[in-house]
Amino acid sequence: MGKTVISTKNAPAAIGPYSQGIDANGTVYVSGQLPVDPETGEFAGEDISSQAEQSLKNVQAVLAEAGLTLEHVVKATVFLQNMGDFAAMNEVYARYFTGDCPARSAVQAVALPKGALVEIEAIAVR
């Protein structure tokens, strides 16, 4: 199996023993992206809209490092601290994924790392 680690300074560094992304034979797995601004190391905001936006920007950055875009995403998973934030997250998400959108799951998590309101992971194919 061909496996390549994807790492970029344009997304937050991993906060544990994992990679920002892995390219395995043309399928790119993007680890869950917290809403951390890679320049400041802080959350992009305290509301779900700003946090969802930053998480998606971080997904984009990892994909870009692999030479891909959001158009290559076939599956996304959104983890929400509060399912009541679904509509606001979805509004932001819809600005990033247009046309033929990827398959997606959205689940509520009891808690997310660092107290984030959202975390987004993705699978993309070349």
N, C-alpha and C. Protein backbone atom coordinates (compact mmCIF):
# COMPACT_ATOMS: atom_id res chain seq x y z
N MET A 1 0.85 -1.18 0.00
CA MET A 1 0.00 0.00 0.00
C MET A 1 0.89 1.23 0.00
N GLY A 2 0.57 2.19 -0.86
CA GLY A 2 1.28 3.47 -0.86
C GLY A 2 0.60 4.42 0.10
N LYS A 3 1.34 4.88 1.09
CA LYS A 3 0.77 5.78 2.09
C LYS A 3 1.71 6.97 2.26
N THR A 4 1.13 8.18 2.13
CA THR A 4 1.91 9.40 2.27
C THR A 4 1.26 10.30 3.30
N VAL A 5 2.05 10.79 4.23
CA VAL A 5 1.56 11.73 5.24
C VAL A 5 1.43 13.10 4.60
N ILE A 6 0.32 13.77 4.90
CA ILE A 6 0.08 15.14 4.42
C ILE A 6 0.20 16.07 5.61
N SER A 7 1.04 17.08 5.47
CA SER A 7 1.25 18.03 6.55
C SER A 7 1.40 19.43 5.98
N THR A 8 0.72 20.39 6.58
CA THR A 8 0.80 21.77 6.13
C THR A 8 0.79 22.72 7.32
N LYS A 9 1.49 23.82 7.18
CA LYS A 9 1.46 24.87 8.21
C LYS A 9 0.22 25.74 8.07
N ASN A 10 -0.56 25.52 7.00
CA ASN A 10 -1.77 26.30 6.75
C ASN A 10 -3.00 25.74 7.46
N ALA A 11 -2.80 24.70 8.26
CA ALA A 11 -3.84 24.13 9.11
C ALA A 11 -3.20 23.87 10.46
N PRO A 12 -3.99 23.77 11.51
CA PRO A 12 -3.42 23.55 12.84
C PRO A 12 -2.61 22.26 12.90
N ALA A 13 -1.53 22.29 13.63
CA ALA A 13 -0.72 21.09 13.83
C ALA A 13 -1.52 20.07 14.62
N ALA A 14 -1.21 18.81 14.41
CA ALA A 14 -1.87 17.74 15.16
C ALA A 14 -1.59 17.91 16.64
N ILE A 15 -2.60 17.67 17.47
CA ILE A 15 -2.43 17.82 18.92
C ILE A 15 -2.29 16.45 19.59
N GLY A 16 -1.94 15.46 18.81
CA GLY A 16 -1.76 14.11 19.33
C GLY A 16 -1.03 13.27 18.32
N PRO A 17 -1.00 11.97 18.55
CA PRO A 17 -0.28 11.07 17.64
C PRO A 17 -1.11 10.71 16.40
N TYR A 18 -1.29 11.70 15.54
CA TYR A 18 -2.01 11.48 14.28
C TYR A 18 -1.49 12.48 13.25
N SER A 19 -1.84 12.26 12.00
CA SER A 19 -1.44 13.14 10.90
C SER A 19 -2.61 14.02 10.51
N GLN A 20 -2.30 15.20 9.95
CA GLN A 20 -3.37 16.06 9.44
C GLN A 20 -4.12 15.35 8.33
N GLY A 21 -3.41 14.59 7.56
CA GLY A 21 -4.02 13.84 6.48
C GLY A 21 -3.12 12.70 6.03
N ILE A 22 -3.73 11.74 5.36
CA ILE A 22 -3.01 10.60 4.79
C ILE A 22 -3.53 10.38 3.39
N ASP A 23 -2.61 10.23 2.43
CA ASP A 23 -2.97 9.84 1.07
C ASP A 23 -2.63 8.36 0.95
N ALA A 24 -3.65 7.54 0.77
CA ALA A 24 -3.46 6.10 0.62
C ALA A 24 -3.97 5.69 -0.75
N ASN A 25 -3.04 5.49 -1.66
CA ASN A 25 -3.39 5.05 -3.02
C ASN A 25 -4.43 5.94 -3.69
N GLY A 26 -4.32 7.25 -3.51
CA GLY A 26 -5.20 8.18 -4.19
C GLY A 26 -6.45 8.57 -3.42
N THR A 27 -6.65 7.97 -2.26
CA THR A 27 -7.74 8.39 -1.38
C THR A 27 -7.11 9.18 -0.25
N VAL A 28 -7.60 10.40 -0.04
CA VAL A 28 -7.02 11.27 0.98
C VAL A 28 -7.99 11.36 2.16
N TYR A 29 -7.46 11.02 3.32
CA TYR A 29 -8.22 11.06 4.56
C TYR A 29 -7.76 12.26 5.36
N VAL A 30 -8.65 13.22 5.57
CA VAL A 30 -8.32 14.43 6.33
C VAL A 30 -8.83 14.23 7.75
N SER A 31 -7.91 14.29 8.70
CA SER A 31 -8.28 14.15 10.11
C SER A 31 -9.25 15.25 10.50
N GLY A 32 -9.99 15.01 11.57
CA GLY A 32 -10.92 16.01 12.06
C GLY A 32 -10.23 17.34 12.29
N GLN A 33 -10.78 18.38 11.70
CA GLN A 33 -10.19 19.71 11.80
C GLN A 33 -10.99 20.56 12.77
N LEU A 34 -10.30 20.98 13.81
CA LEU A 34 -10.89 21.89 14.78
C LEU A 34 -10.91 23.29 14.20
N PRO A 35 -11.67 24.21 14.78
CA PRO A 35 -11.76 25.57 14.28
C PRO A 35 -10.62 26.47 14.74
N VAL A 36 -9.42 25.94 14.74
CA VAL A 36 -8.25 26.67 15.20
C VAL A 36 -7.61 27.42 14.04
N ASP A 37 -7.38 28.70 14.22
CA ASP A 37 -6.67 29.51 13.23
C ASP A 37 -5.20 29.13 13.34
N PRO A 38 -4.59 28.60 12.27
CA PRO A 38 -3.21 28.14 12.36
C PRO A 38 -2.20 29.26 12.63
N GLU A 39 -2.57 30.50 12.35
CA GLU A 39 -1.66 31.63 12.60
C GLU A 39 -1.63 32.03 14.06
N THR A 40 -2.76 31.91 14.74
CA THR A 40 -2.83 32.35 16.14
C THR A 40 -2.85 31.20 17.14
N GLY A 41 -3.25 30.01 16.68
CA GLY A 41 -3.39 28.88 17.58
C GLY A 41 -4.65 28.94 18.43
N GLU A 42 -5.52 29.90 18.13
CA GLU A 42 -6.76 30.11 18.90
C GLU A 42 -7.96 29.79 18.02
N PHE A 43 -9.11 29.57 18.68
CA PHE A 43 -10.34 29.40 17.92
C PHE A 43 -10.61 30.66 17.11
N ALA A 44 -11.22 30.46 15.94
CA ALA A 44 -11.52 31.57 15.04
C ALA A 44 -12.65 32.44 15.57
N GLY A 45 -13.37 31.98 16.53
CA GLY A 45 -14.49 32.71 17.12
C GLY A 45 -15.16 31.84 18.15
N GLU A 46 -16.17 32.38 18.79
CA GLU A 46 -16.85 31.63 19.84
C GLU A 46 -18.21 31.10 19.40
N ASP A 47 -18.64 31.44 18.18
CA ASP A 47 -19.95 31.00 17.70
C ASP A 47 -19.77 29.89 16.66
N ILE A 48 -20.81 29.13 16.44
CA ILE A 48 -20.75 27.98 15.54
C ILE A 48 -20.42 28.39 14.11
N SER A 49 -20.92 29.53 13.64
CA SER A 49 -20.66 29.94 12.26
C SER A 49 -19.18 30.19 12.01
N SER A 50 -18.55 30.95 12.87
CA SER A 50 -17.12 31.24 12.68
C SER A 50 -16.27 29.99 12.88
N GLN A 51 -16.69 29.13 13.80
CA GLN A 51 -15.93 27.91 14.03
C GLN A 51 -16.09 26.92 12.86
N ALA A 52 -17.30 26.79 12.33
CA ALA A 52 -17.50 25.91 11.18
C ALA A 52 -16.70 26.41 9.98
N GLU A 53 -16.70 27.72 9.79
CA GLU A 53 -15.94 28.29 8.68
C GLU A 53 -14.45 27.97 8.80
N GLN A 54 -13.90 28.13 9.99
CA GLN A 54 -12.47 27.85 10.17
C GLN A 54 -12.16 26.37 10.01
N SER A 55 -13.03 25.51 10.51
CA SER A 55 -12.81 24.07 10.33
C SER A 55 -12.78 23.72 8.85
N LEU A 56 -13.68 24.30 8.07
CA LEU A 56 -13.70 24.03 6.64
C LEU A 56 -12.47 24.62 5.93
N LYS A 57 -12.02 25.78 6.36
CA LYS A 57 -10.78 26.35 5.80
C LYS A 57 -9.61 25.42 6.09
N ASN A 58 -9.60 24.82 7.28
CA ASN A 58 -8.52 23.90 7.63
C ASN A 58 -8.58 22.63 6.79
N VAL A 59 -9.79 22.12 6.54
CA VAL A 59 -9.94 20.97 5.65
C VAL A 59 -9.40 21.33 4.28
N GLN A 60 -9.77 22.51 3.77
CA GLN A 60 -9.28 22.97 2.47
C GLN A 60 -7.76 23.02 2.42
N ALA A 61 -7.14 23.49 3.49
CA ALA A 61 -5.68 23.63 3.53
C ALA A 61 -4.99 22.27 3.45
N VAL A 62 -5.52 21.29 4.16
CA VAL A 62 -4.92 19.95 4.10
C VAL A 62 -5.10 19.37 2.71
N LEU A 63 -6.30 19.53 2.15
CA LEU A 63 -6.54 19.05 0.79
C LEU A 63 -5.62 19.74 -0.21
N ALA A 64 -5.44 21.05 -0.07
CA ALA A 64 -4.58 21.80 -0.99
C ALA A 64 -3.15 21.27 -0.94
N GLU A 65 -2.69 20.92 0.24
CA GLU A 65 -1.34 20.37 0.37
C GLU A 65 -1.21 19.06 -0.41
N ALA A 66 -2.33 18.34 -0.53
CA ALA A 66 -2.36 17.09 -1.30
C ALA A 66 -2.65 17.34 -2.78
N GLY A 67 -2.85 18.61 -3.16
CA GLY A 67 -3.16 18.94 -4.54
C GLY A 67 -4.62 18.75 -4.90
N LEU A 68 -5.49 18.80 -3.89
CA LEU A 68 -6.92 18.58 -4.11
C LEU A 68 -7.72 19.79 -3.63
N THR A 69 -9.02 19.77 -3.95
CA THR A 69 -9.94 20.81 -3.51
C THR A 69 -11.15 20.14 -2.86
N LEU A 70 -12.06 20.95 -2.36
CA LEU A 70 -13.29 20.41 -1.78
C LEU A 70 -14.11 19.62 -2.80
N GLU A 71 -13.92 19.91 -4.09
CA GLU A 71 -14.64 19.17 -5.13
C GLU A 71 -14.26 17.70 -5.16
N HIS A 72 -13.11 17.35 -4.59
CA HIS A 72 -12.66 15.96 -4.55
C HIS A 72 -13.24 15.19 -3.36
N VAL A 73 -13.90 15.89 -2.44
CA VAL A 73 -14.42 15.25 -1.24
C VAL A 73 -15.63 14.38 -1.60
N VAL A 74 -15.58 13.12 -1.14
CA VAL A 74 -16.69 12.20 -1.38
C VAL A 74 -17.49 11.93 -0.11
N LYS A 75 -16.89 12.21 1.05
CA LYS A 75 -17.58 11.97 2.33
C LYS A 75 -17.04 12.94 3.37
N ALA A 76 -17.94 13.56 4.10
CA ALA A 76 -17.55 14.45 5.19
C ALA A 76 -18.31 14.01 6.44
N THR A 77 -17.68 14.21 7.58
CA THR A 77 -18.34 13.96 8.85
C THR A 77 -18.19 15.21 9.70
N VAL A 78 -19.31 15.67 10.21
CA VAL A 78 -19.35 16.87 11.05
C VAL A 78 -19.71 16.44 12.47
N PHE A 79 -18.87 16.81 13.41
CA PHE A 79 -19.12 16.53 14.82
C PHE A 79 -19.51 17.85 15.47
N LEU A 80 -20.67 17.87 16.08
CA LEU A 80 -21.18 19.08 16.72
C LEU A 80 -21.29 18.87 18.23
N GLN A 81 -20.89 19.86 18.99
CA GLN A 81 -21.07 19.78 20.43
C GLN A 81 -22.56 19.85 20.77
N ASN A 82 -23.32 20.58 19.95
CA ASN A 82 -24.74 20.78 20.20
C ASN A 82 -25.49 20.67 18.87
N MET A 83 -26.34 19.68 18.76
CA MET A 83 -27.09 19.49 17.51
C MET A 83 -28.00 20.68 17.21
N GLY A 84 -28.26 21.51 18.20
CA GLY A 84 -29.02 22.74 17.98
C GLY A 84 -28.28 23.72 17.08
N ASP A 85 -26.97 23.49 16.88
CA ASP A 85 -26.17 24.34 15.99
C ASP A 85 -26.19 23.85 14.55
N PHE A 86 -26.94 22.78 14.28
CA PHE A 86 -26.92 22.17 12.94
C PHE A 86 -27.26 23.17 11.84
N ALA A 87 -28.34 23.92 11.99
CA ALA A 87 -28.79 24.83 10.91
C ALA A 87 -27.73 25.89 10.61
N ALA A 88 -27.14 26.47 11.64
CA ALA A 88 -26.12 27.51 11.43
C ALA A 88 -24.87 26.90 10.79
N MET A 89 -24.47 25.70 11.24
CA MET A 89 -23.32 25.03 10.62
C MET A 89 -23.63 24.72 9.17
N ASN A 90 -24.83 24.23 8.91
CA ASN A 90 -25.22 23.84 7.57
C ASN A 90 -25.21 25.03 6.60
N GLU A 91 -25.57 26.20 7.10
CA GLU A 91 -25.54 27.41 6.27
C GLU A 91 -24.11 27.71 5.81
N VAL A 92 -23.16 27.59 6.71
CA VAL A 92 -21.75 27.81 6.36
C VAL A 92 -21.28 26.70 5.42
N TYR A 93 -21.58 25.47 5.77
CA TYR A 93 -21.17 24.30 4.99
C TYR A 93 -21.63 24.43 3.53
N ALA A 94 -22.85 24.92 3.34
CA ALA A 94 -23.43 25.06 2.00
C ALA A 94 -22.68 26.07 1.14
N ARG A 95 -21.95 26.99 1.75
CA ARG A 95 -21.14 27.94 0.99
C ARG A 95 -19.86 27.30 0.48
N TYR A 96 -19.43 26.24 1.12
CA TYR A 96 -18.19 25.55 0.74
C TYR A 96 -18.44 24.38 -0.19
N PHE A 97 -19.55 23.69 0.00
CA PHE A 97 -19.89 22.55 -0.84
C PHE A 97 -21.12 22.92 -1.65
N THR A 98 -20.95 23.08 -2.96
CA THR A 98 -22.04 23.44 -3.85
C THR A 98 -22.10 22.40 -4.97
N GLY A 99 -23.14 22.44 -5.73
CA GLY A 99 -23.27 21.47 -6.83
C GLY A 99 -23.46 20.07 -6.30
N ASP A 100 -22.67 19.14 -6.81
CA ASP A 100 -22.74 17.75 -6.35
C ASP A 100 -22.00 17.63 -5.03
N CYS A 101 -22.75 17.69 -3.96
CA CYS A 101 -22.16 17.66 -2.62
C CYS A 101 -21.76 16.24 -2.23
N PRO A 102 -20.77 16.12 -1.34
CA PRO A 102 -20.37 14.79 -0.88
C PRO A 102 -21.42 14.19 0.05
N ALA A 103 -21.30 12.89 0.25
CA ALA A 103 -22.09 12.25 1.30
C ALA A 103 -21.64 12.87 2.62
N ARG A 104 -22.55 12.88 3.62
CA ARG A 104 -22.18 13.52 4.88
C ARG A 104 -22.95 12.92 6.04
N SER A 105 -22.29 12.88 7.17
CA SER A 105 -22.94 12.55 8.44
C SER A 105 -22.71 13.73 9.36
N ALA A 106 -23.66 13.98 10.22
CA ALA A 106 -23.51 15.00 11.27
C ALA A 106 -23.97 14.37 12.57
N VAL A 107 -23.09 14.37 13.54
CA VAL A 107 -23.41 13.74 14.82
C VAL A 107 -23.09 14.67 15.96
N GLN A 108 -23.82 14.50 17.05
CA GLN A 108 -23.53 15.29 18.25
C GLN A 108 -22.52 14.51 19.08
N ALA A 109 -21.50 15.21 19.54
CA ALA A 109 -20.49 14.63 20.42
C ALA A 109 -20.65 15.26 21.79
N VAL A 110 -20.51 14.48 22.81
CA VAL A 110 -20.64 15.00 24.18
C VAL A 110 -19.63 16.12 24.41
N ALA A 111 -18.42 15.93 23.92
CA ALA A 111 -17.37 16.95 24.05
C ALA A 111 -16.40 16.79 22.89
N LEU A 112 -15.84 17.91 22.45
CA LEU A 112 -14.84 17.92 21.39
C LEU A 112 -13.53 18.45 21.96
N PRO A 113 -12.39 18.13 21.34
CA PRO A 113 -11.11 18.61 21.85
C PRO A 113 -11.10 20.13 22.04
N LYS A 114 -10.47 20.55 23.10
CA LYS A 114 -10.29 21.97 23.43
C LYS A 114 -11.60 22.72 23.64
N GLY A 115 -12.73 22.01 23.76
CA GLY A 115 -14.01 22.67 23.95
C GLY A 115 -14.60 23.25 22.68
N ALA A 116 -14.13 22.77 21.52
CA ALA A 116 -14.64 23.26 20.23
C ALA A 116 -16.13 22.98 20.09
N LEU A 117 -16.79 23.81 19.29
CA LEU A 117 -18.21 23.60 18.98
C LEU A 117 -18.40 22.66 17.80
N VAL A 118 -17.34 22.51 16.97
CA VAL A 118 -17.44 21.70 15.76
C VAL A 118 -16.07 21.14 15.40
N GLU A 119 -16.10 19.99 14.76
CA GLU A 119 -14.90 19.38 14.17
C GLU A 119 -15.37 18.72 12.88
N ILE A 120 -14.60 18.87 11.81
CA ILE A 120 -15.00 18.33 10.51
C ILE A 120 -13.87 17.51 9.92
N GLU A 121 -14.20 16.29 9.48
CA GLU A 121 -13.23 15.43 8.79
C GLU A 121 -13.75 15.14 7.40
N ALA A 122 -12.86 14.71 6.50
CA ALA A 122 -13.27 14.48 5.13
C ALA A 122 -12.46 13.36 4.49
N ILE A 123 -13.07 12.75 3.49
CA ILE A 123 -12.40 11.77 2.65
C ILE A 123 -12.52 12.27 1.22
N ALA A 124 -11.40 12.34 0.52
CA ALA A 124 -11.38 12.83 -0.86
C ALA A 124 -10.70 11.80 -1.76
N VAL A 125 -11.06 11.81 -3.03
CA VAL A 125 -10.50 10.87 -3.99
C VAL A 125 -9.94 11.64 -5.17
N ARG A 126 -8.76 11.23 -5.60
CA ARG A 126 -8.12 11.86 -6.78
C ARG A 126 -8.88 11.53 -8.03
